[in-house]
mmCIF file of all heavy atoms, coordinates in Angstrom:
data_MODEL
# 
_entry.id   MODEL 
# 
loop_
_atom_site.group_PDB 
_atom_site.id 
_atom_site.type_symbol 
_atom_site.label_atom_id 
_atom_site.label_alt_id 
_atom_site.label_comp_id 
_atom_site.label_asym_id 
_atom_site.label_entity_id 
_atom_site.label_seq_id 
_atom_site.pdbx_PDB_ins_code 
_atom_site.Cartn_x 
_atom_site.Cartn_y 
_atom_site.Cartn_z 
_atom_site.occupancy 
_atom_site.B_iso_or_equiv 
_atom_site.pdbx_formal_charge 
_atom_site.auth_seq_id 
_atom_site.auth_comp_id 
_atom_site.auth_asym_id 
_atom_site.auth_atom_id 
_atom_site.pdbx_PDB_model_num 
ATOM 1   N N   . ASP A 1 1  ? 87.706  77.710  126.806 1.00 0.00 ? 1  ASP A N   1 
ATOM 2   C CA  . ASP A 1 1  ? 88.785  77.810  127.730 1.00 0.00 ? 1  ASP A CA  1 
ATOM 3   C C   . ASP A 1 1  ? 89.386  79.211  127.633 1.00 0.00 ? 1  ASP A C   1 
ATOM 4   O O   . ASP A 1 1  ? 90.072  79.610  126.684 1.00 0.00 ? 1  ASP A O   1 
ATOM 5   C CB  . ASP A 1 1  ? 89.856  76.786  127.348 1.00 0.00 ? 1  ASP A CB  1 
ATOM 6   C CG  . ASP A 1 1  ? 91.014  76.803  128.300 1.00 0.00 ? 1  ASP A CG  1 
ATOM 7   O OD1 . ASP A 1 1  ? 91.072  77.631  129.236 1.00 0.00 ? 1  ASP A OD1 1 
ATOM 8   O OD2 . ASP A 1 1  ? 91.947  75.914  128.068 1.00 0.00 ? 1  ASP A OD2 1 
ATOM 9   N N   . GLU A 1 2  ? 89.138  80.049  128.620 1.00 0.00 ? 2  GLU A N   1 
ATOM 10  C CA  . GLU A 1 2  ? 89.524  81.449  128.558 1.00 0.00 ? 2  GLU A CA  1 
ATOM 11  C C   . GLU A 1 2  ? 91.040  81.629  128.699 1.00 0.00 ? 2  GLU A C   1 
ATOM 12  O O   . GLU A 1 2  ? 91.546  82.682  128.434 1.00 0.00 ? 2  GLU A O   1 
ATOM 13  C CB  . GLU A 1 2  ? 88.818  82.190  129.675 1.00 0.00 ? 2  GLU A CB  1 
ATOM 14  C CG  . GLU A 1 2  ? 87.298  82.252  129.507 1.00 0.00 ? 2  GLU A CG  1 
ATOM 15  C CD  . GLU A 1 2  ? 86.582  82.958  130.685 1.00 0.00 ? 2  GLU A CD  1 
ATOM 16  O OE1 . GLU A 1 2  ? 87.224  83.317  131.645 1.00 0.00 ? 2  GLU A OE1 1 
ATOM 17  O OE2 . GLU A 1 2  ? 85.328  82.995  130.603 1.00 0.00 ? 2  GLU A OE2 1 
ATOM 18  N N   . GLN A 1 3  ? 91.725  80.617  129.143 1.00 0.00 ? 3  GLN A N   1 
ATOM 19  C CA  . GLN A 1 3  ? 93.201  80.703  129.318 1.00 0.00 ? 3  GLN A CA  1 
ATOM 20  C C   . GLN A 1 3  ? 93.940  80.325  127.997 1.00 0.00 ? 3  GLN A C   1 
ATOM 21  O O   . GLN A 1 3  ? 95.151  80.588  127.870 1.00 0.00 ? 3  GLN A O   1 
ATOM 22  C CB  . GLN A 1 3  ? 93.708  79.714  130.369 1.00 0.00 ? 3  GLN A CB  1 
ATOM 23  C CG  . GLN A 1 3  ? 93.001  79.863  131.739 1.00 0.00 ? 3  GLN A CG  1 
ATOM 24  C CD  . GLN A 1 3  ? 93.048  81.312  132.254 1.00 0.00 ? 3  GLN A CD  1 
ATOM 25  O OE1 . GLN A 1 3  ? 94.149  81.921  132.277 1.00 0.00 ? 3  GLN A OE1 1 
ATOM 26  N NE2 . GLN A 1 3  ? 91.921  81.822  132.714 1.00 0.00 ? 3  GLN A NE2 1 
ATOM 27  N N   . ALA A 1 4  ? 93.155  79.928  127.029 1.00 0.00 ? 4  ALA A N   1 
ATOM 28  C CA  . ALA A 1 4  ? 93.751  79.483  125.742 1.00 0.00 ? 4  ALA A CA  1 
ATOM 29  C C   . ALA A 1 4  ? 94.094  80.606  124.836 1.00 0.00 ? 4  ALA A C   1 
ATOM 30  O O   . ALA A 1 4  ? 94.822  80.433  123.795 1.00 0.00 ? 4  ALA A O   1 
ATOM 31  C CB  . ALA A 1 4  ? 92.875  78.422  125.023 1.00 0.00 ? 4  ALA A CB  1 
ATOM 32  N N   . PHE A 1 5  ? 93.506  81.790  125.029 1.00 0.00 ? 5  PHE A N   1 
ATOM 33  C CA  . PHE A 1 5  ? 93.633  82.898  124.071 1.00 0.00 ? 5  PHE A CA  1 
ATOM 34  C C   . PHE A 1 5  ? 94.073  84.138  124.727 1.00 0.00 ? 5  PHE A C   1 
ATOM 35  O O   . PHE A 1 5  ? 93.762  84.456  125.900 1.00 0.00 ? 5  PHE A O   1 
ATOM 36  C CB  . PHE A 1 5  ? 92.300  83.119  123.395 1.00 0.00 ? 5  PHE A CB  1 
ATOM 37  C CG  . PHE A 1 5  ? 91.759  81.944  122.623 1.00 0.00 ? 5  PHE A CG  1 
ATOM 38  C CD1 . PHE A 1 5  ? 90.800  81.124  123.171 1.00 0.00 ? 5  PHE A CD1 1 
ATOM 39  C CD2 . PHE A 1 5  ? 92.271  81.701  121.320 1.00 0.00 ? 5  PHE A CD2 1 
ATOM 40  C CE1 . PHE A 1 5  ? 90.371  79.992  122.393 1.00 0.00 ? 5  PHE A CE1 1 
ATOM 41  C CE2 . PHE A 1 5  ? 91.777  80.588  120.649 1.00 0.00 ? 5  PHE A CE2 1 
ATOM 42  C CZ  . PHE A 1 5  ? 90.882  79.719  121.220 1.00 0.00 ? 5  PHE A CZ  1 
ATOM 43  N N   . GLU A 1 6  ? 94.863  84.876  124.001 1.00 0.00 ? 6  GLU A N   1 
ATOM 44  C CA  . GLU A 1 6  ? 95.311  86.228  124.451 1.00 0.00 ? 6  GLU A CA  1 
ATOM 45  C C   . GLU A 1 6  ? 95.252  87.201  123.280 1.00 0.00 ? 6  GLU A C   1 
ATOM 46  O O   . GLU A 1 6  ? 95.773  86.936  122.188 1.00 0.00 ? 6  GLU A O   1 
ATOM 47  C CB  . GLU A 1 6  ? 96.789  86.155  124.963 1.00 0.00 ? 6  GLU A CB  1 
ATOM 48  C CG  . GLU A 1 6  ? 97.299  87.459  125.458 1.00 0.00 ? 6  GLU A CG  1 
ATOM 49  C CD  . GLU A 1 6  ? 98.776  87.415  125.833 1.00 0.00 ? 6  GLU A CD  1 
ATOM 50  O OE1 . GLU A 1 6  ? 99.271  86.263  126.034 1.00 0.00 ? 6  GLU A OE1 1 
ATOM 51  O OE2 . GLU A 1 6  ? 99.377  88.556  126.038 1.00 0.00 ? 6  GLU A OE2 1 
ATOM 52  N N   . LEU A 1 7  ? 94.485  88.294  123.458 1.00 0.00 ? 7  LEU A N   1 
ATOM 53  C CA  . LEU A 1 7  ? 94.325  89.257  122.446 1.00 0.00 ? 7  LEU A CA  1 
ATOM 54  C C   . LEU A 1 7  ? 95.584  89.777  121.990 1.00 0.00 ? 7  LEU A C   1 
ATOM 55  O O   . LEU A 1 7  ? 96.492  90.199  122.789 1.00 0.00 ? 7  LEU A O   1 
ATOM 56  C CB  . LEU A 1 7  ? 93.432  90.399  122.903 1.00 0.00 ? 7  LEU A CB  1 
ATOM 57  C CG  . LEU A 1 7  ? 91.927  90.025  123.142 1.00 0.00 ? 7  LEU A CG  1 
ATOM 58  C CD1 . LEU A 1 7  ? 91.219  91.238  123.813 1.00 0.00 ? 7  LEU A CD1 1 
ATOM 59  C CD2 . LEU A 1 7  ? 91.278  89.655  121.864 1.00 0.00 ? 7  LEU A CD2 1 
ATOM 60  N N   . GLY A 1 8  ? 95.824  89.792  120.671 1.00 0.00 ? 8  GLY A N   1 
ATOM 61  C CA  . GLY A 1 8  ? 97.110  90.357  120.104 1.00 0.00 ? 8  GLY A CA  1 
ATOM 62  C C   . GLY A 1 8  ? 98.144  89.301  119.952 1.00 0.00 ? 8  GLY A C   1 
ATOM 63  O O   . GLY A 1 8  ? 99.186  89.504  119.260 1.00 0.00 ? 8  GLY A O   1 
ATOM 64  N N   . ARG A 1 9  ? 97.972  88.127  120.611 1.00 0.00 ? 9  ARG A N   1 
ATOM 65  C CA  . ARG A 1 9  ? 98.965  87.044  120.558 1.00 0.00 ? 9  ARG A CA  1 
ATOM 66  C C   . ARG A 1 9  ? 98.471  85.917  119.569 1.00 0.00 ? 9  ARG A C   1 
ATOM 67  O O   . ARG A 1 9  ? 99.155  85.561  118.609 1.00 0.00 ? 9  ARG A O   1 
ATOM 68  C CB  . ARG A 1 9  ? 99.320  86.442  121.915 1.00 0.00 ? 9  ARG A CB  1 
ATOM 69  C CG  . ARG A 1 9  ? 100.368 85.374  121.867 1.00 0.00 ? 9  ARG A CG  1 
ATOM 70  C CD  . ARG A 1 9  ? 100.683 84.839  123.275 1.00 0.00 ? 9  ARG A CD  1 
ATOM 71  N NE  . ARG A 1 9  ? 99.580  84.194  123.918 1.00 0.00 ? 9  ARG A NE  1 
ATOM 72  C CZ  . ARG A 1 9  ? 99.195  82.946  123.695 1.00 0.00 ? 9  ARG A CZ  1 
ATOM 73  N NH1 . ARG A 1 9  ? 99.901  82.205  122.855 1.00 0.00 ? 9  ARG A NH1 1 
ATOM 74  N NH2 . ARG A 1 9  ? 98.137  82.402  124.319 1.00 0.00 ? 9  ARG A NH2 1 
ATOM 75  N N   . ASN A 1 10 ? 97.313  85.364  119.939 1.00 0.00 ? 10 ASN A N   1 
ATOM 76  C CA  . ASN A 1 10 ? 96.793  84.280  119.063 1.00 0.00 ? 10 ASN A CA  1 
ATOM 77  C C   . ASN A 1 10 ? 95.389  84.518  118.624 1.00 0.00 ? 10 ASN A C   1 
ATOM 78  O O   . ASN A 1 10 ? 94.715  83.636  118.106 1.00 0.00 ? 10 ASN A O   1 
ATOM 79  C CB  . ASN A 1 10 ? 96.971  82.929  119.699 1.00 0.00 ? 10 ASN A CB  1 
ATOM 80  C CG  . ASN A 1 10 ? 96.204  82.824  121.025 1.00 0.00 ? 10 ASN A CG  1 
ATOM 81  O OD1 . ASN A 1 10 ? 95.686  83.781  121.521 1.00 0.00 ? 10 ASN A OD1 1 
ATOM 82  N ND2 . ASN A 1 10 ? 96.314  81.660  121.613 1.00 0.00 ? 10 ASN A ND2 1 
ATOM 83  N N   . ILE A 1 11 ? 94.865  85.703  118.851 1.00 0.00 ? 11 ILE A N   1 
ATOM 84  C CA  . ILE A 1 11 ? 93.536  86.071  118.386 1.00 0.00 ? 11 ILE A CA  1 
ATOM 85  C C   . ILE A 1 11 ? 93.561  87.644  118.182 1.00 0.00 ? 11 ILE A C   1 
ATOM 86  O O   . ILE A 1 11 ? 94.255  88.348  118.976 1.00 0.00 ? 11 ILE A O   1 
ATOM 87  C CB  . ILE A 1 11 ? 92.464  85.653  119.381 1.00 0.00 ? 11 ILE A CB  1 
ATOM 88  C CG1 . ILE A 1 11 ? 91.054  85.699  118.813 1.00 0.00 ? 11 ILE A CG1 1 
ATOM 89  C CG2 . ILE A 1 11 ? 92.568  86.443  120.676 1.00 0.00 ? 11 ILE A CG2 1 
ATOM 90  C CD1 . ILE A 1 11 ? 90.019  84.979  119.644 1.00 0.00 ? 11 ILE A CD1 1 
ATOM 91  N N   . ALA A 1 12 ? 92.926  88.136  117.218 1.00 0.00 ? 12 ALA A N   1 
ATOM 92  C CA  . ALA A 1 12 ? 92.977  89.571  116.879 1.00 0.00 ? 12 ALA A CA  1 
ATOM 93  C C   . ALA A 1 12 ? 94.384  90.037  116.711 1.00 0.00 ? 12 ALA A C   1 
ATOM 94  O O   . ALA A 1 12 ? 94.934  90.959  117.312 1.00 0.00 ? 12 ALA A O   1 
ATOM 95  C CB  . ALA A 1 12 ? 92.351  90.420  118.029 1.00 0.00 ? 12 ALA A CB  1 
ATOM 96  N N   . THR A 1 13 ? 95.018  89.469  115.690 1.00 0.00 ? 13 THR A N   1 
ATOM 97  C CA  . THR A 1 13 ? 96.439  89.696  115.468 1.00 0.00 ? 13 THR A CA  1 
ATOM 98  C C   . THR A 1 13 ? 96.790  90.473  114.170 1.00 0.00 ? 13 THR A C   1 
ATOM 99  O O   . THR A 1 13 ? 97.982  90.730  113.965 1.00 0.00 ? 13 THR A O   1 
ATOM 100 C CB  . THR A 1 13 ? 97.191  88.311  115.399 1.00 0.00 ? 13 THR A CB  1 
ATOM 101 O OG1 . THR A 1 13 ? 96.634  87.534  114.336 1.00 0.00 ? 13 THR A OG1 1 
ATOM 102 C CG2 . THR A 1 13 ? 97.053  87.525  116.648 1.00 0.00 ? 13 THR A CG2 1 
ATOM 103 N N   . THR A 1 14 ? 95.857  90.861  113.385 1.00 0.00 ? 14 THR A N   1 
ATOM 104 C CA  . THR A 1 14 ? 96.164  91.609  112.137 1.00 0.00 ? 14 THR A CA  1 
ATOM 105 C C   . THR A 1 14 ? 96.842  92.953  112.567 1.00 0.00 ? 14 THR A C   1 
ATOM 106 O O   . THR A 1 14 ? 96.318  93.698  113.367 1.00 0.00 ? 14 THR A O   1 
ATOM 107 C CB  . THR A 1 14 ? 94.931  91.883  111.358 1.00 0.00 ? 14 THR A CB  1 
ATOM 108 O OG1 . THR A 1 14 ? 94.333  90.635  110.885 1.00 0.00 ? 14 THR A OG1 1 
ATOM 109 C CG2 . THR A 1 14 ? 95.248  92.721  110.078 1.00 0.00 ? 14 THR A CG2 1 
ATOM 110 N N   . PRO A 1 15 ? 98.070  93.242  111.926 1.00 0.00 ? 15 PRO A N   1 
ATOM 111 C CA  . PRO A 1 15 ? 98.810  94.378  112.365 1.00 0.00 ? 15 PRO A CA  1 
ATOM 112 C C   . PRO A 1 15 ? 98.070  95.719  112.110 1.00 0.00 ? 15 PRO A C   1 
ATOM 113 O O   . PRO A 1 15 ? 97.539  95.918  111.035 1.00 0.00 ? 15 PRO A O   1 
ATOM 114 C CB  . PRO A 1 15 ? 100.060 94.347  111.558 1.00 0.00 ? 15 PRO A CB  1 
ATOM 115 C CG  . PRO A 1 15 ? 100.214 92.890  111.211 1.00 0.00 ? 15 PRO A CG  1 
ATOM 116 C CD  . PRO A 1 15 ? 98.835  92.395  111.026 1.00 0.00 ? 15 PRO A CD  1 
ATOM 117 N N   . GLY A 1 16 ? 97.972  96.563  113.057 1.00 0.00 ? 16 GLY A N   1 
ATOM 118 C CA  . GLY A 1 16 ? 97.382  97.905  112.983 1.00 0.00 ? 16 GLY A CA  1 
ATOM 119 C C   . GLY A 1 16 ? 97.736  98.707  114.189 1.00 0.00 ? 16 GLY A C   1 
ATOM 120 O O   . GLY A 1 16 ? 98.386  98.328  115.100 1.00 0.00 ? 16 GLY A O   1 
ATOM 121 N N   . ASP A 1 17 ? 97.145  99.941  114.166 1.00 0.00 ? 17 ASP A N   1 
ATOM 122 C CA  . ASP A 1 17 ? 97.494  100.874 115.265 1.00 0.00 ? 17 ASP A CA  1 
ATOM 123 C C   . ASP A 1 17 ? 96.261  101.715 115.649 1.00 0.00 ? 17 ASP A C   1 
ATOM 124 O O   . ASP A 1 17 ? 95.442  102.109 114.761 1.00 0.00 ? 17 ASP A O   1 
ATOM 125 C CB  . ASP A 1 17 ? 98.640  101.784 114.857 1.00 0.00 ? 17 ASP A CB  1 
ATOM 126 C CG  . ASP A 1 17 ? 99.908  101.076 114.579 1.00 0.00 ? 17 ASP A CG  1 
ATOM 127 O OD1 . ASP A 1 17 ? 100.599 100.594 115.501 1.00 0.00 ? 17 ASP A OD1 1 
ATOM 128 O OD2 . ASP A 1 17 ? 100.222 100.879 113.374 1.00 0.00 ? 17 ASP A OD2 1 
ATOM 129 N N   . VAL A 1 18 ? 96.117  101.999 116.944 1.00 0.00 ? 18 VAL A N   1 
ATOM 130 C CA  . VAL A 1 18 ? 95.110  102.908 117.400 1.00 0.00 ? 18 VAL A CA  1 
ATOM 131 C C   . VAL A 1 18 ? 95.582  104.312 117.168 1.00 0.00 ? 18 VAL A C   1 
ATOM 132 O O   . VAL A 1 18 ? 96.620  104.705 117.590 1.00 0.00 ? 18 VAL A O   1 
ATOM 133 C CB  . VAL A 1 18 ? 94.824  102.715 118.854 1.00 0.00 ? 18 VAL A CB  1 
ATOM 134 C CG1 . VAL A 1 18 ? 93.801  103.732 119.368 1.00 0.00 ? 18 VAL A CG1 1 
ATOM 135 C CG2 . VAL A 1 18 ? 94.313  101.296 119.147 1.00 0.00 ? 18 VAL A CG2 1 
ATOM 136 N N   . ILE A 1 19 ? 94.784  105.060 116.332 1.00 0.00 ? 19 ILE A N   1 
ATOM 137 C CA  . ILE A 1 19 ? 95.213  106.395 115.911 1.00 0.00 ? 19 ILE A CA  1 
ATOM 138 C C   . ILE A 1 19 ? 94.257  107.479 116.448 1.00 0.00 ? 19 ILE A C   1 
ATOM 139 O O   . ILE A 1 19 ? 94.468  108.684 116.198 1.00 0.00 ? 19 ILE A O   1 
ATOM 140 C CB  . ILE A 1 19 ? 95.412  106.477 114.375 1.00 0.00 ? 19 ILE A CB  1 
ATOM 141 C CG1 . ILE A 1 19 ? 94.184  105.923 113.618 1.00 0.00 ? 19 ILE A CG1 1 
ATOM 142 C CG2 . ILE A 1 19 ? 96.695  105.804 113.929 1.00 0.00 ? 19 ILE A CG2 1 
ATOM 143 C CD1 . ILE A 1 19 ? 93.010  106.781 113.528 1.00 0.00 ? 19 ILE A CD1 1 
ATOM 144 N N   . TYR A 1 20 ? 93.193  107.047 117.151 1.00 0.00 ? 20 TYR A N   1 
ATOM 145 C CA  . TYR A 1 20 ? 92.273  108.014 117.736 1.00 0.00 ? 20 TYR A CA  1 
ATOM 146 C C   . TYR A 1 20 ? 91.538  107.374 118.830 1.00 0.00 ? 20 TYR A C   1 
ATOM 147 O O   . TYR A 1 20 ? 91.179  106.139 118.755 1.00 0.00 ? 20 TYR A O   1 
ATOM 148 C CB  . TYR A 1 20 ? 91.270  108.508 116.619 1.00 0.00 ? 20 TYR A CB  1 
ATOM 149 C CG  . TYR A 1 20 ? 90.234  109.483 117.171 1.00 0.00 ? 20 TYR A CG  1 
ATOM 150 C CD1 . TYR A 1 20 ? 90.533  110.851 117.378 1.00 0.00 ? 20 TYR A CD1 1 
ATOM 151 C CD2 . TYR A 1 20 ? 88.963  109.045 117.513 1.00 0.00 ? 20 TYR A CD2 1 
ATOM 152 C CE1 . TYR A 1 20 ? 89.567  111.738 117.901 1.00 0.00 ? 20 TYR A CE1 1 
ATOM 153 C CE2 . TYR A 1 20 ? 87.983  109.955 117.999 1.00 0.00 ? 20 TYR A CE2 1 
ATOM 154 C CZ  . TYR A 1 20 ? 88.290  111.263 118.195 1.00 0.00 ? 20 TYR A CZ  1 
ATOM 155 O OH  . TYR A 1 20 ? 87.350  112.133 118.671 1.00 0.00 ? 20 TYR A OH  1 
ATOM 156 N N   . ARG A 1 21 ? 91.172  108.097 119.901 1.00 0.00 ? 21 ARG A N   1 
ATOM 157 C CA  . ARG A 1 21 ? 90.413  107.529 121.028 1.00 0.00 ? 21 ARG A CA  1 
ATOM 158 C C   . ARG A 1 21 ? 89.610  108.675 121.620 1.00 0.00 ? 21 ARG A C   1 
ATOM 159 O O   . ARG A 1 21 ? 90.046  109.794 121.812 1.00 0.00 ? 21 ARG A O   1 
ATOM 160 C CB  . ARG A 1 21 ? 91.377  106.944 122.030 1.00 0.00 ? 21 ARG A CB  1 
ATOM 161 C CG  . ARG A 1 21 ? 90.627  106.435 123.292 1.00 0.00 ? 21 ARG A CG  1 
ATOM 162 C CD  . ARG A 1 21 ? 91.629  105.995 124.380 1.00 0.00 ? 21 ARG A CD  1 
ATOM 163 N NE  . ARG A 1 21 ? 92.453  104.865 123.902 1.00 0.00 ? 21 ARG A NE  1 
ATOM 164 C CZ  . ARG A 1 21 ? 93.780  104.822 123.962 1.00 0.00 ? 21 ARG A CZ  1 
ATOM 165 N NH1 . ARG A 1 21 ? 94.478  105.913 124.344 1.00 0.00 ? 21 ARG A NH1 1 
ATOM 166 N NH2 . ARG A 1 21 ? 94.444  103.735 123.545 1.00 0.00 ? 21 ARG A NH2 1 
ATOM 167 N N   . ASN A 1 22 ? 88.312  108.398 121.852 1.00 0.00 ? 22 ASN A N   1 
ATOM 168 C CA  . ASN A 1 22 ? 87.476  109.224 122.672 1.00 0.00 ? 22 ASN A CA  1 
ATOM 169 C C   . ASN A 1 22 ? 86.724  108.390 123.692 1.00 0.00 ? 22 ASN A C   1 
ATOM 170 O O   . ASN A 1 22 ? 86.999  107.197 123.785 1.00 0.00 ? 22 ASN A O   1 
ATOM 171 C CB  . ASN A 1 22 ? 86.561  110.154 121.848 1.00 0.00 ? 22 ASN A CB  1 
ATOM 172 C CG  . ASN A 1 22 ? 85.521  109.365 121.037 1.00 0.00 ? 22 ASN A CG  1 
ATOM 173 O OD1 . ASN A 1 22 ? 85.245  108.159 121.349 1.00 0.00 ? 22 ASN A OD1 1 
ATOM 174 N ND2 . ASN A 1 22 ? 84.981  109.992 120.023 1.00 0.00 ? 22 ASN A ND2 1 
ATOM 175 N N   . ARG A 1 23 ? 85.723  108.897 124.324 1.00 0.00 ? 23 ARG A N   1 
ATOM 176 C CA  . ARG A 1 23 ? 85.054  108.133 125.407 1.00 0.00 ? 23 ARG A CA  1 
ATOM 177 C C   . ARG A 1 23 ? 84.269  106.976 124.868 1.00 0.00 ? 23 ARG A C   1 
ATOM 178 O O   . ARG A 1 23 ? 83.826  106.071 125.585 1.00 0.00 ? 23 ARG A O   1 
ATOM 179 C CB  . ARG A 1 23 ? 84.149  109.071 126.260 1.00 0.00 ? 23 ARG A CB  1 
ATOM 180 C CG  . ARG A 1 23 ? 82.964  109.609 125.457 1.00 0.00 ? 23 ARG A CG  1 
ATOM 181 C CD  . ARG A 1 23 ? 82.063  110.405 126.300 1.00 0.00 ? 23 ARG A CD  1 
ATOM 182 N NE  . ARG A 1 23 ? 80.853  110.801 125.529 1.00 0.00 ? 23 ARG A NE  1 
ATOM 183 C CZ  . ARG A 1 23 ? 79.616  110.830 125.988 1.00 0.00 ? 23 ARG A CZ  1 
ATOM 184 N NH1 . ARG A 1 23 ? 79.422  110.598 127.243 1.00 0.00 ? 23 ARG A NH1 1 
ATOM 185 N NH2 . ARG A 1 23 ? 78.605  111.238 125.255 1.00 0.00 ? 23 ARG A NH2 1 
ATOM 186 N N   . MET A 1 24 ? 83.912  107.033 123.536 1.00 0.00 ? 24 MET A N   1 
ATOM 187 C CA  . MET A 1 24 ? 83.040  106.034 122.993 1.00 0.00 ? 24 MET A CA  1 
ATOM 188 C C   . MET A 1 24 ? 83.757  104.936 122.146 1.00 0.00 ? 24 MET A C   1 
ATOM 189 O O   . MET A 1 24 ? 83.302  103.724 122.120 1.00 0.00 ? 24 MET A O   1 
ATOM 190 C CB  . MET A 1 24 ? 82.006  106.699 122.011 1.00 0.00 ? 24 MET A CB  1 
ATOM 191 C CG  . MET A 1 24 ? 81.067  107.638 122.666 1.00 0.00 ? 24 MET A CG  1 
ATOM 192 S SD  . MET A 1 24 ? 80.082  106.807 123.944 1.00 0.00 ? 24 MET A SD  1 
ATOM 193 C CE  . MET A 1 24 ? 79.183  105.598 123.055 1.00 0.00 ? 24 MET A CE  1 
ATOM 194 N N   . LEU A 1 25 ? 84.929  105.277 121.566 1.00 0.00 ? 25 LEU A N   1 
ATOM 195 C CA  . LEU A 1 25 ? 85.553  104.269 120.663 1.00 0.00 ? 25 LEU A CA  1 
ATOM 196 C C   . LEU A 1 25 ? 87.002  104.623 120.488 1.00 0.00 ? 25 LEU A C   1 
ATOM 197 O O   . LEU A 1 25 ? 87.448  105.709 120.734 1.00 0.00 ? 25 LEU A O   1 
ATOM 198 C CB  . LEU A 1 25 ? 84.805  104.206 119.303 1.00 0.00 ? 25 LEU A CB  1 
ATOM 199 C CG  . LEU A 1 25 ? 85.238  105.154 118.133 1.00 0.00 ? 25 LEU A CG  1 
ATOM 200 C CD1 . LEU A 1 25 ? 84.536  104.829 116.919 1.00 0.00 ? 25 LEU A CD1 1 
ATOM 201 C CD2 . LEU A 1 25 ? 85.003  106.601 118.553 1.00 0.00 ? 25 LEU A CD2 1 
ATOM 202 N N   . GLU A 1 26 ? 87.728  103.583 120.101 1.00 0.00 ? 26 GLU A N   1 
ATOM 203 C CA  . GLU A 1 26 ? 89.074  103.705 119.505 1.00 0.00 ? 26 GLU A CA  1 
ATOM 204 C C   . GLU A 1 26 ? 88.959  103.436 118.013 1.00 0.00 ? 26 GLU A C   1 
ATOM 205 O O   . GLU A 1 26 ? 88.191  102.556 117.615 1.00 0.00 ? 26 GLU A O   1 
ATOM 206 C CB  . GLU A 1 26 ? 90.001  102.653 120.101 1.00 0.00 ? 26 GLU A CB  1 
ATOM 207 C CG  . GLU A 1 26 ? 90.336  102.953 121.647 1.00 0.00 ? 26 GLU A CG  1 
ATOM 208 C CD  . GLU A 1 26 ? 91.267  101.929 122.192 1.00 0.00 ? 26 GLU A CD  1 
ATOM 209 O OE1 . GLU A 1 26 ? 91.287  100.773 121.701 1.00 0.00 ? 26 GLU A OE1 1 
ATOM 210 O OE2 . GLU A 1 26 ? 91.864  102.272 123.219 1.00 0.00 ? 26 GLU A OE2 1 
# 
């Protein structure tokens, strides 16, 4: 059920921060 999950809310929730980004990765 694709409506049951939201990234950052109830899945992939471990606290962290994006500190670098280029065309290939964050």
